[in-house]
N, C-alpha and C. Protein backbone atom coordinates (compact mmCIF):
# COMPACT_ATOMS: atom_id res chain seq x y z
N MET A 1 71.99 89.07 92.18
CA MET A 1 72.64 88.02 93.96
C MET A 1 73.76 87.32 93.66
N LEU A 2 73.08 86.43 92.55
CA LEU A 2 74.35 85.21 92.20
C LEU A 2 75.59 85.90 91.89
N LYS A 3 75.84 86.74 91.07
CA LYS A 3 77.04 87.40 90.65
C LYS A 3 77.71 88.22 92.46
N LEU A 4 76.90 88.56 93.04
CA LEU A 4 77.91 89.03 94.35
C LEU A 4 78.33 87.66 94.83
N ILE A 5 77.44 86.69 94.86
CA ILE A 5 78.23 85.52 95.64
C ILE A 5 78.99 84.42 94.99
N GLY A 6 79.03 84.63 93.95
CA GLY A 6 80.07 83.75 93.26
C GLY A 6 81.21 85.06 93.00
N HIS A 7 81.30 85.99 92.86
CA HIS A 7 82.18 86.78 93.57
C HIS A 7 82.97 86.91 94.81
N LEU A 8 81.93 86.89 95.80
CA LEU A 8 82.64 86.27 97.23
C LEU A 8 83.12 85.27 97.24
N ILE A 9 82.89 84.07 96.79
CA ILE A 9 83.24 82.87 96.66
C ILE A 9 84.81 82.88 96.01
N ALA A 10 85.00 83.35 95.06
CA ALA A 10 85.91 83.30 93.98
C ALA A 10 86.96 84.18 95.24
N ALA A 11 86.73 85.53 95.65
CA ALA A 11 87.94 86.30 96.17
C ALA A 11 88.17 85.63 97.56
N ALA A 12 87.26 84.55 98.24
CA ALA A 12 87.56 83.95 99.41
C ALA A 12 88.89 82.91 98.78
N LEU A 13 88.54 82.17 97.82
CA LEU A 13 89.26 81.08 97.33
C LEU A 13 90.54 81.89 97.04
N ILE A 14 90.42 83.02 96.56
CA ILE A 14 92.22 83.40 95.80
C ILE A 14 92.91 83.92 97.29
N PHE A 15 92.08 84.41 98.08
CA PHE A 15 92.77 84.62 99.64
C PHE A 15 93.58 83.31 100.30
N ILE A 16 92.64 82.16 100.24
CA ILE A 16 92.93 81.08 100.67
C ILE A 16 94.42 80.21 100.12
N VAL A 17 94.39 80.10 98.80
CA VAL A 17 95.12 79.66 98.22
C VAL A 17 96.51 80.95 98.51
N PHE A 18 96.64 82.12 98.18
CA PHE A 18 97.91 82.55 98.66
C PHE A 18 98.35 82.34 99.90
N PHE A 19 97.21 82.10 101.33
CA PHE A 19 97.79 82.45 102.09
C PHE A 19 98.26 80.70 102.27
N ALA A 20 97.46 79.88 101.68
CA ALA A 20 97.67 78.58 101.97
C ALA A 20 99.71 78.27 101.06
N ILE A 21 99.68 78.97 100.42
CA ILE A 21 100.75 78.73 99.41
C ILE A 21 102.17 79.28 100.51
N ALA A 22 101.89 80.82 100.82
CA ALA A 22 102.89 81.43 101.96
C ALA A 22 103.00 80.45 103.06
N TRP A 23 102.01 79.68 103.78
CA TRP A 23 102.20 78.82 104.91
C TRP A 23 103.08 77.79 105.02
N ILE A 24 102.84 76.93 103.57
CA ILE A 24 103.29 76.11 102.87
C ILE A 24 104.94 75.87 102.65
N VAL A 25 105.38 77.02 102.37
CA VAL A 25 106.55 77.44 101.99
C VAL A 25 107.37 77.60 103.27
N SER A 26 106.79 78.20 104.07
CA SER A 26 107.10 78.50 105.82
C SER A 26 107.40 77.32 106.42
N TRP A 27 106.28 76.78 106.52
CA TRP A 27 106.66 75.37 107.04
C TRP A 27 107.78 74.22 106.15
N LEU A 28 107.55 74.04 104.80
CA LEU A 28 108.80 73.25 104.76
C LEU A 28 110.27 74.33 104.79
N LEU A 29 110.49 75.01 105.17
CA LEU A 29 111.45 75.87 105.32
C LEU A 29 111.69 75.40 106.90
N TYR A 30 111.20 75.63 107.43
CA TYR A 30 111.16 75.30 108.84
C TYR A 30 111.83 73.67 109.32
N ARG A 31 110.82 72.80 108.72
CA ARG A 31 110.52 71.36 108.76
C ARG A 31 111.99 71.30 107.90
N LEU A 32 112.52 71.33 107.11
CA LEU A 32 113.85 71.10 106.26
C LEU A 32 115.25 71.59 107.07
N ASN A 33 114.93 72.53 108.09
CA ASN A 33 116.17 73.17 108.40
C ASN A 33 116.20 72.24 109.94
N GLU A 34 114.80 71.82 110.19
CA GLU A 34 114.94 70.55 111.27
C GLU A 34 115.48 69.24 110.95
N ILE A 35 115.32 69.01 109.74
CA ILE A 35 115.58 67.43 109.51
C ILE A 35 117.53 67.69 109.09
N HIS A 36 118.07 68.62 108.63
CA HIS A 36 119.06 69.00 108.37
C HIS A 36 119.50 70.31 108.23
N ALA A 37 119.84 71.09 109.16
CA ALA A 37 120.38 72.61 109.18
C ALA A 37 121.11 73.17 108.39
N PHE A 38 120.16 73.93 107.80
CA PHE A 38 121.15 74.90 107.11
C PHE A 38 122.05 76.10 106.97
N PRO A 39 123.51 76.29 106.71
CA PRO A 39 124.43 76.86 107.30
C PRO A 39 123.73 78.26 107.73
N ALA A 40 124.12 78.75 108.33
CA ALA A 40 123.38 80.17 109.00
C ALA A 40 123.31 81.53 107.64
N PRO A 41 124.01 81.44 106.98
CA PRO A 41 124.01 82.67 106.15
C PRO A 41 122.69 82.30 104.63
N ILE A 42 122.89 81.02 104.62
CA ILE A 42 121.76 80.53 103.90
C ILE A 42 120.27 80.39 104.39
N PHE A 43 120.39 79.91 105.47
CA PHE A 43 118.53 79.80 106.68
C PHE A 43 118.39 81.70 106.45
N GLN A 44 119.30 82.36 106.80
CA GLN A 44 119.21 83.81 107.07
C GLN A 44 118.82 84.35 105.27
N ALA A 45 118.96 84.12 104.18
CA ALA A 45 119.04 84.59 103.39
C ALA A 45 117.37 83.67 102.55
N LEU A 46 117.07 82.52 103.20
CA LEU A 46 115.75 81.81 103.13
C LEU A 46 114.72 82.46 103.99
N SER A 47 115.39 82.72 104.87
CA SER A 47 113.77 83.68 105.86
C SER A 47 113.86 85.01 105.05
N GLY A 48 114.67 85.65 104.79
CA GLY A 48 114.26 86.92 104.22
C GLY A 48 113.64 86.74 103.06
N ILE A 49 113.73 85.93 101.69
CA ILE A 49 112.78 85.26 101.19
C ILE A 49 111.60 85.01 101.88
N GLU A 50 111.31 84.42 102.15
CA GLU A 50 110.01 83.92 103.28
C GLU A 50 109.43 85.33 103.38
N VAL A 51 109.98 86.11 104.27
CA VAL A 51 109.55 87.43 104.37
C VAL A 51 108.62 88.17 103.60
N TRP A 52 109.77 87.86 102.50
CA TRP A 52 109.18 88.85 101.31
C TRP A 52 108.11 88.38 100.45
N LEU A 53 108.23 87.01 100.62
CA LEU A 53 107.04 86.29 100.00
C LEU A 53 105.60 86.38 100.92
N THR A 54 105.16 86.85 102.01
CA THR A 54 104.44 87.08 103.32
C THR A 54 104.14 88.28 102.49
N TYR A 55 105.03 89.48 102.32
CA TYR A 55 104.85 90.72 102.02
C TYR A 55 104.13 90.80 101.01
N ALA A 56 104.84 90.02 99.98
CA ALA A 56 103.98 89.99 98.42
C ALA A 56 102.58 89.43 98.75
N ASP A 57 102.37 88.36 99.46
CA ASP A 57 101.18 87.42 99.52
C ASP A 57 100.15 88.27 99.88
N TRP A 58 100.55 89.33 101.24
CA TRP A 58 99.27 90.51 101.78
C TRP A 58 98.86 91.42 100.66
N GLY A 59 100.40 91.65 100.14
CA GLY A 59 100.01 92.72 98.87
C GLY A 59 98.76 92.24 97.82
N VAL A 60 99.63 91.20 97.25
CA VAL A 60 98.45 90.67 96.18
C VAL A 60 96.92 90.48 97.13
N CYS A 61 96.85 90.07 97.41
CA CYS A 61 95.66 89.88 98.60
C CYS A 61 94.99 91.28 98.69
N ILE A 62 95.47 92.46 98.98
CA ILE A 62 95.23 93.85 99.32
C ILE A 62 94.81 94.14 98.05
N ILE A 63 95.43 93.84 96.74
CA ILE A 63 95.33 94.39 95.59
C ILE A 63 93.85 93.74 95.10
N VAL A 64 93.69 92.23 94.74
CA VAL A 64 92.50 92.24 94.62
C VAL A 64 91.83 92.47 95.69
N LEU A 65 91.62 92.34 97.13
CA LEU A 65 90.22 93.12 97.72
C LEU A 65 89.77 94.35 97.15
N VAL A 66 90.71 95.32 97.10
CA VAL A 66 90.43 96.58 96.40
C VAL A 66 89.77 96.72 94.91
N MET A 67 90.73 95.94 93.93
CA MET A 67 89.87 95.92 93.05
C MET A 67 88.63 95.34 92.44
N GLY A 68 88.48 94.15 93.83
CA GLY A 68 86.96 93.54 93.43
C GLY A 68 85.98 94.79 93.66
N THR A 69 86.43 95.22 95.07
CA THR A 69 85.35 96.41 95.79
C THR A 69 85.39 97.43 94.52
N TRP A 70 86.08 97.76 94.19
CA TRP A 70 85.74 98.72 92.84
C TRP A 70 85.40 98.42 91.71
N ARG A 71 85.39 97.14 91.33
CA ARG A 71 84.30 96.68 90.79
C ARG A 71 82.78 96.35 90.58
N PHE A 72 82.59 96.07 91.93
CA PHE A 72 81.45 95.77 92.49
C PHE A 72 80.76 96.99 92.43
N VAL A 73 80.96 98.22 93.33
CA VAL A 73 80.50 99.23 93.64
C VAL A 73 80.33 99.77 92.27
N ASN A 74 81.34 99.77 91.29
CA ASN A 74 81.21 100.25 89.67
C ASN A 74 80.09 99.78 89.15
N GLU A 75 79.81 98.32 89.28
CA GLU A 75 78.93 97.71 88.64
C GLU A 75 77.84 98.25 89.48
N ILE A 76 77.15 98.43 90.52
CA ILE A 76 76.10 98.88 91.21
C ILE A 76 75.79 100.18 91.06
N VAL A 77 76.80 101.21 90.94
CA VAL A 77 76.34 102.45 90.38
C VAL A 77 75.95 102.41 88.82
N ARG A 78 76.74 101.49 87.91
CA ARG A 78 75.82 101.88 86.63
C ARG A 78 74.52 100.85 86.65
N GLY A 79 74.30 100.13 87.46
CA GLY A 79 73.15 99.44 87.19
C GLY A 79 73.24 98.12 86.69
N ASN A 80 74.42 97.45 86.47
CA ASN A 80 74.87 96.48 85.54
C ASN A 80 74.64 95.40 86.72
N LEU A 81 74.48 95.09 87.94
CA LEU A 81 74.11 94.05 88.70
C LEU A 81 72.71 93.45 88.82
């Protein structure tokens, strides 16, 4: 039971860190643009990077969730928990 609780806490921490990084980068981009506006092409390129960072964030979180679920179910079936 302690392994399950530890696993859930660790997974939640990973998700929170990934989302926090994506949010901070997004916030910094728009805050810097408010202070001193970027030229349009540069701002569009940075916005594109921000979108792909968000996609990568979701992808990593999905992989962590699926792999964690797979490992947990696998350990239950084998009786290692």
